[in-house]
Protein backbone atom coordinates (compact mmCIF):
# COMPACT_ATOMS: atom_id res chain seq x y z
CA MET A 1 -17.76 -53.67 18.75
CA LYS A 2 -20.02 -53.59 15.87
CA GLU A 3 -20.17 -56.80 13.18
CA TYR A 4 -20.08 -54.86 9.94
CA ILE A 5 -20.41 -56.61 6.56
CA HIS A 6 -17.15 -57.88 5.00
CA GLY A 7 -16.19 -55.12 2.92
CA ALA A 8 -18.59 -52.58 4.34
CA GLU A 9 -16.43 -51.70 7.36
CA PRO A 10 -14.81 -47.71 8.22
CA LEU A 11 -11.23 -47.17 6.30
CA PHE A 12 -8.66 -45.31 7.96
CA LEU A 13 -5.36 -44.70 5.76
CA HIS A 14 -2.34 -42.85 7.45
CA GLY A 15 -0.89 -40.29 5.71
CA ASP A 16 0.74 -36.86 6.16
CA ASN A 17 -0.80 -33.73 8.04
CA SER A 18 -3.42 -33.14 5.67
CA GLY A 19 -7.00 -34.92 6.04
CA CYS A 20 -10.16 -35.81 4.19
CA LEU A 21 -13.15 -37.12 5.60
CA LEU A 22 -15.46 -39.50 3.39
CA LEU A 23 -19.09 -39.58 4.13
CA HIS A 24 -20.88 -42.13 2.05
CA GLY A 25 -24.63 -42.08 1.24
CA GLY A 26 -27.94 -42.66 3.12
CA GLY A 27 -29.64 -44.98 0.99
CA GLY A 28 -28.76 -48.32 0.67
CA GLY A 29 -25.27 -47.87 0.17
CA THR A 30 -22.33 -48.38 2.67
CA ALA A 31 -18.64 -47.24 2.97
CA TRP A 32 -17.80 -49.74 0.31
CA ASP A 33 -19.32 -47.24 -2.22
CA LEU A 34 -16.53 -44.59 -1.12
CA LYS A 35 -13.38 -47.23 -0.97
CA GLU A 36 -12.01 -47.03 -4.00
CA PHE A 37 -11.67 -43.16 -4.19
CA ALA A 38 -10.68 -43.18 -0.73
CA GLU A 39 -7.62 -45.70 -2.15
CA VAL A 40 -6.77 -43.28 -4.95
CA LEU A 41 -7.12 -39.83 -3.17
CA HIS A 42 -4.65 -41.66 -0.62
CA SER A 43 -2.09 -42.98 -3.49
CA ARG A 44 -2.04 -39.71 -5.24
CA THR A 45 -1.92 -37.23 -2.56
CA GLY A 46 -0.70 -38.96 0.34
CA MET A 47 -3.43 -37.21 2.45
CA THR A 48 -4.69 -39.07 5.68
CA ILE A 49 -7.98 -40.33 4.70
CA TRP A 50 -11.05 -41.10 7.59
CA LEU A 51 -13.69 -42.98 5.84
CA PRO A 52 -16.30 -43.97 8.75
CA SER A 53 -19.66 -45.92 8.44
CA LEU A 54 -22.71 -43.82 9.45
CA THR A 55 -24.77 -44.88 12.31
CA GLY A 56 -26.89 -47.88 10.85
CA TYR A 57 -25.06 -48.66 7.99
CA GLY A 58 -22.87 -51.73 7.03
CA THR A 59 -24.09 -54.03 9.78
CA LYS A 60 -28.13 -55.13 8.76
CA PRO A 61 -30.45 -52.53 7.60
CA GLU A 62 -32.76 -53.16 10.87
CA ASP A 63 -29.95 -50.83 12.80
CA LEU A 64 -31.54 -47.67 10.60
CA CYS A 65 -34.58 -48.11 12.80
CA GLY A 66 -35.31 -45.06 14.80
CA ILE A 67 -31.91 -43.35 13.31
CA THR A 68 -32.36 -39.72 12.66
CA LEU A 69 -30.16 -37.04 10.89
CA ASP A 70 -28.28 -35.85 14.15
CA ASP A 71 -27.00 -39.28 14.47
CA TRP A 72 -25.29 -39.16 11.02
CA LEU A 73 -24.46 -35.22 11.76
CA SER A 74 -22.71 -36.38 15.15
CA ASP A 75 -20.62 -39.29 12.98
CA ALA A 76 -19.17 -36.29 10.60
CA HIS A 77 -18.43 -34.21 13.80
CA ASN A 78 -16.46 -36.65 15.30
CA GLY A 79 -14.77 -38.10 11.80
CA LEU A 80 -13.82 -34.44 11.73
CA ASP A 81 -12.48 -34.30 15.13
CA ARG A 82 -10.59 -37.60 14.69
CA LEU A 83 -8.61 -35.83 12.01
CA LEU A 84 -7.84 -32.67 13.46
CA GLU A 85 -5.93 -34.59 15.96
CA THR A 86 -3.30 -35.30 13.92
CA CYS A 87 -4.05 -33.13 10.64
CA GLU A 88 -3.38 -29.26 10.35
CA ARG A 89 -5.84 -29.15 7.32
CA VAL A 90 -8.94 -31.08 6.76
CA TYR A 91 -11.14 -31.32 3.93
CA VAL A 92 -14.40 -33.26 3.09
CA VAL A 93 -15.89 -35.18 0.32
CA GLY A 94 -19.64 -36.49 0.47
CA HIS A 95 -21.92 -38.75 -1.97
CA SER A 96 -25.71 -37.95 -1.70
CA MET A 97 -26.68 -37.86 1.86
CA GLY A 98 -22.89 -37.77 2.68
CA GLY A 99 -22.74 -34.57 0.49
CA LEU A 100 -25.69 -32.95 2.51
CA LEU A 101 -24.03 -33.92 5.73
CA THR A 102 -20.98 -32.37 4.07
CA LEU A 103 -22.49 -29.01 3.28
CA LEU A 104 -24.23 -29.01 7.10
CA LEU A 105 -20.96 -29.75 8.67
CA ALA A 106 -19.08 -27.10 6.57
CA SER A 107 -21.89 -24.67 7.88
CA GLN A 108 -21.08 -25.34 11.41
CA ARG A 109 -17.42 -25.89 11.56
CA ASP A 110 -14.88 -23.32 10.74
CA GLU A 111 -12.16 -25.62 10.78
CA VAL A 112 -13.26 -27.41 7.19
CA ARG A 113 -10.92 -26.22 4.73
CA GLY A 114 -12.80 -27.51 1.58
CA ILE A 115 -15.68 -29.71 0.52
CA VAL A 116 -16.54 -31.71 -2.49
CA THR A 117 -19.96 -33.09 -2.91
CA TRP A 118 -21.35 -35.73 -5.48
CA ALA A 119 -25.12 -35.98 -6.25
CA ALA A 120 -25.99 -33.51 -3.00
CA PRO A 121 -29.84 -32.68 -3.01
CA ILE A 122 -31.25 -29.84 -2.59
CA ALA A 123 -34.72 -31.56 -3.17
CA VAL A 124 -35.14 -35.27 -4.32
CA ARG A 125 -37.41 -36.53 -7.03
CA SER A 126 -39.64 -38.69 -5.00
CA ARG A 127 -42.98 -37.79 -4.92
CA LEU A 128 -43.51 -39.77 -1.64
CA LEU A 129 -41.36 -38.01 0.60
CA PRO A 130 -43.51 -34.76 1.21
CA LEU A 131 -46.47 -37.19 1.77
CA LEU A 132 -44.28 -39.66 4.28
CA THR A 133 -43.86 -36.51 6.36
CA ILE A 134 -47.28 -35.42 6.21
CA PHE A 135 -48.57 -39.11 7.33
CA ASN A 136 -46.56 -39.38 10.01
CA ARG A 137 -47.78 -36.53 11.71
CA ILE A 138 -51.57 -38.15 11.26
CA PRO A 139 -51.87 -41.21 13.54
CA LEU A 140 -54.61 -42.96 11.77
CA LEU A 141 -52.16 -42.54 7.83
CA ARG A 142 -48.91 -43.14 9.61
CA ARG A 143 -50.54 -46.84 10.26
CA ALA A 144 -50.57 -47.01 6.41
CA ILE A 145 -47.06 -46.15 6.06
CA PRO A 146 -44.76 -49.06 5.14
CA LYS A 147 -42.02 -50.35 7.43
CA LYS A 148 -39.71 -50.92 4.84
CA ALA A 149 -38.76 -49.49 1.39
CA ASN A 150 -37.03 -51.89 -1.03
CA ARG A 151 -33.93 -51.04 -2.47
CA PRO A 152 -32.91 -53.26 -5.54
CA THR A 153 -29.78 -53.27 -6.49
CA PRO A 154 -29.02 -53.14 -10.44
CA GLU A 155 -26.90 -56.25 -12.27
CA TRP A 156 -24.38 -53.90 -13.24
CA LEU A 157 -23.45 -52.86 -9.51
CA LEU A 158 -23.60 -56.56 -8.04
CA LYS A 159 -21.06 -57.31 -10.96
CA GLN A 160 -18.28 -55.00 -9.28
CA GLY A 161 -19.16 -56.81 -6.06
CA TRP A 162 -21.23 -54.03 -4.25
CA ILE A 163 -22.31 -54.36 -0.37
CA GLY A 164 -25.29 -53.01 0.62
CA TYR A 165 -28.96 -53.14 2.08
CA ASP A 166 -31.39 -54.21 -0.29
CA TRP A 167 -34.06 -52.84 1.83
CA ILE A 168 -34.32 -49.61 4.61
CA PRO A 169 -36.90 -48.57 7.38
CA THR A 170 -39.12 -45.88 5.35
CA SER A 171 -38.15 -43.74 8.52
CA ILE A 172 -34.82 -42.75 6.73
CA GLY A 173 -37.23 -40.40 4.52
CA LEU A 174 -37.59 -38.08 7.67
CA ALA A 175 -34.18 -37.87 8.28
CA MET A 176 -33.82 -36.78 4.88
CA HIS A 177 -36.68 -34.65 4.49
CA ASP A 178 -35.20 -32.98 8.12
CA GLY A 179 -31.71 -32.66 6.37
CA LEU A 180 -33.25 -30.80 3.34
CA ARG A 181 -35.01 -28.38 5.36
CA ARG A 182 -31.50 -27.59 7.24
CA LEU A 183 -29.71 -27.22 4.39
CA LYS A 184 -31.72 -24.66 2.78
CA ARG A 185 -31.13 -22.18 5.96
CA ALA A 186 -27.46 -23.42 6.25
CA LEU A 187 -26.43 -22.92 2.95
CA ASP A 188 -25.10 -19.16 3.19
CA ASP A 189 -23.07 -19.94 6.16
CA ILE A 190 -20.81 -22.06 3.91
CA THR A 191 -17.51 -19.88 3.01
CA CYS A 192 -14.92 -22.44 2.31
CA PRO A 193 -14.31 -23.55 -0.99
CA ALA A 194 -16.65 -25.80 -2.90
CA LEU A 195 -17.09 -28.01 -5.64
CA ILE A 196 -20.56 -29.12 -6.28
CA VAL A 197 -20.60 -32.26 -8.57
CA GLN A 198 -23.87 -33.94 -10.20
CA GLY A 199 -24.44 -36.16 -12.87
CA SER A 200 -26.83 -34.88 -16.01
CA ARG A 201 -28.69 -38.64 -15.46
CA ASP A 202 -29.13 -38.11 -11.95
CA LEU A 203 -32.53 -40.01 -11.64
CA ASP A 204 -32.73 -39.31 -7.65
CA VAL A 205 -32.00 -35.65 -6.62
CA SER A 206 -33.53 -32.82 -8.35
CA ARG A 207 -31.92 -31.58 -11.54
CA ASP A 208 -31.08 -28.32 -10.45
CA SER A 209 -29.85 -29.43 -7.06
CA ALA A 210 -26.21 -28.51 -8.15
CA GLN A 211 -26.86 -25.30 -9.77
CA ARG A 212 -29.03 -24.07 -6.57
CA ILE A 213 -26.47 -25.24 -3.94
CA HIS A 214 -23.43 -23.39 -5.79
CA GLU A 215 -25.62 -20.45 -5.99
CA ALA A 216 -26.40 -20.30 -2.52
CA LEU A 217 -22.93 -21.04 -1.16
CA SER A 218 -21.16 -18.16 0.00
CA SER A 219 -17.64 -19.54 -0.57
CA GLU A 220 -15.45 -17.07 -2.84
CA VAL A 221 -13.96 -20.03 -4.46
CA LYS A 222 -16.77 -22.11 -5.78
CA GLU A 223 -17.62 -24.44 -8.71
CA ALA A 224 -20.39 -26.60 -10.07
CA LEU A 225 -19.64 -29.64 -12.60
CA ILE A 226 -22.23 -31.71 -14.57
CA ILE A 227 -20.59 -35.16 -15.49
CA GLN A 228 -22.59 -35.66 -18.58
CA GLY A 229 -24.44 -38.97 -18.84
CA ALA A 230 -23.61 -39.62 -15.16
CA GLY A 231 -26.00 -41.17 -12.55
CA HIS A 232 -26.74 -40.78 -9.01
CA ALA A 233 -23.97 -43.22 -8.34
CA MET A 234 -21.60 -41.88 -11.00
CA MET A 235 -18.36 -43.26 -8.50
CA ASN A 236 -19.33 -46.73 -9.48
CA GLN A 237 -19.90 -45.95 -13.14
CA ASP A 238 -16.82 -46.93 -14.86
CA GLU A 239 -17.24 -44.89 -17.73
CA TYR A 240 -17.79 -41.60 -15.58
CA LYS A 241 -15.53 -42.30 -12.31
CA ASN A 242 -12.18 -41.22 -13.55
CA GLU A 243 -13.50 -37.90 -14.60
CA LEU A 244 -15.23 -37.80 -11.01
CA PHE A 245 -11.98 -39.16 -9.01
CA GLY A 246 -9.93 -36.37 -11.19
CA SER A 247 -11.78 -33.25 -10.79
CA SER A 248 -12.14 -33.80 -7.00
CA ILE A 249 -8.58 -34.74 -6.54
CA THR A 250 -7.55 -31.51 -8.69
CA PHE A 251 -9.73 -29.27 -6.81
CA ILE A 252 -8.42 -30.43 -3.66
CA GLU A 253 -4.71 -30.02 -4.45
CA ARG A 254 -5.42 -26.58 -6.23
CA ILE A 255 -7.13 -25.24 -3.02
CA GLN A 256 -4.38 -26.48 -0.58
CA GLN A 257 -1.97 -24.53 -2.33
C-alpha cells in the first residue's frame, strides 16, 4: 500500500453512468492540483470522477527515478478501464503532462467520448530539454547531467496549501521528450470532440501549443480557448479558474447531449 502525502491521494467520487478521468501534470504537482475541479465537476454534473495519482507522484520525489512515459500512459489506460466498468460514457481532462497523456490516450482508445486539455504542450520553452536527450546518449556527457531539478513553489501557491515536490529527477525530462515525440504522430488519430485550453501567459509550454494541437486534430468538434492572463497552473489561479472550470464543464455537458 502506497503511503501518500496527506492531500495528494487519489480521489474517486461516485456518480451517474457518465465518467470523467482526470490526469494531473508531470512536473512537481500531484493529484492535489485537480481536486478542486473534481469536486466542482462532480457537484455540477453528477458525473463519476476518478483522479488517480500518476506513478511516482504523491509519495516522495525519489519514487520518480526510472519512471517512463509508458508508466504514466499505463495509469491513464487503467483509469479509463476503471471508469468503463460502471460508466457508459467516459471523458478525460488533463493538465500539462496529464494533457499530453489525455491526447495520447484518445489517439489509442475509441472509448474516450471527449477530451479537455489544459496547458498541454506540443513543445516546451525549456532550452535544456533537447540538450538533456543529447547528453544522455553520450556516456561522458551523461555524467554532467544533474540528478535533481529544483521546482521552487511560488508563495501564492503555498498559501493555498499546495502539495507537491520541490524537486524532481532530471530523468523526467526524457519521459517528457518521449511524450512530445509520440504526440506529434498521434494527433491525427484523435477524432473525439476536444477542447484545448492554454493561458496567454504560460511560460512552460510553447506559445502556439494550443493552436498547433487544435489544427492537427482530426476531430469534427474541436475548440481552442486562450485564457487571457492565465499562466501554466491556471486551475490554481483564483482570477482564472472560474473561467477554466466553467468552460470545461460547459463543453463536456454540450458534447454529452
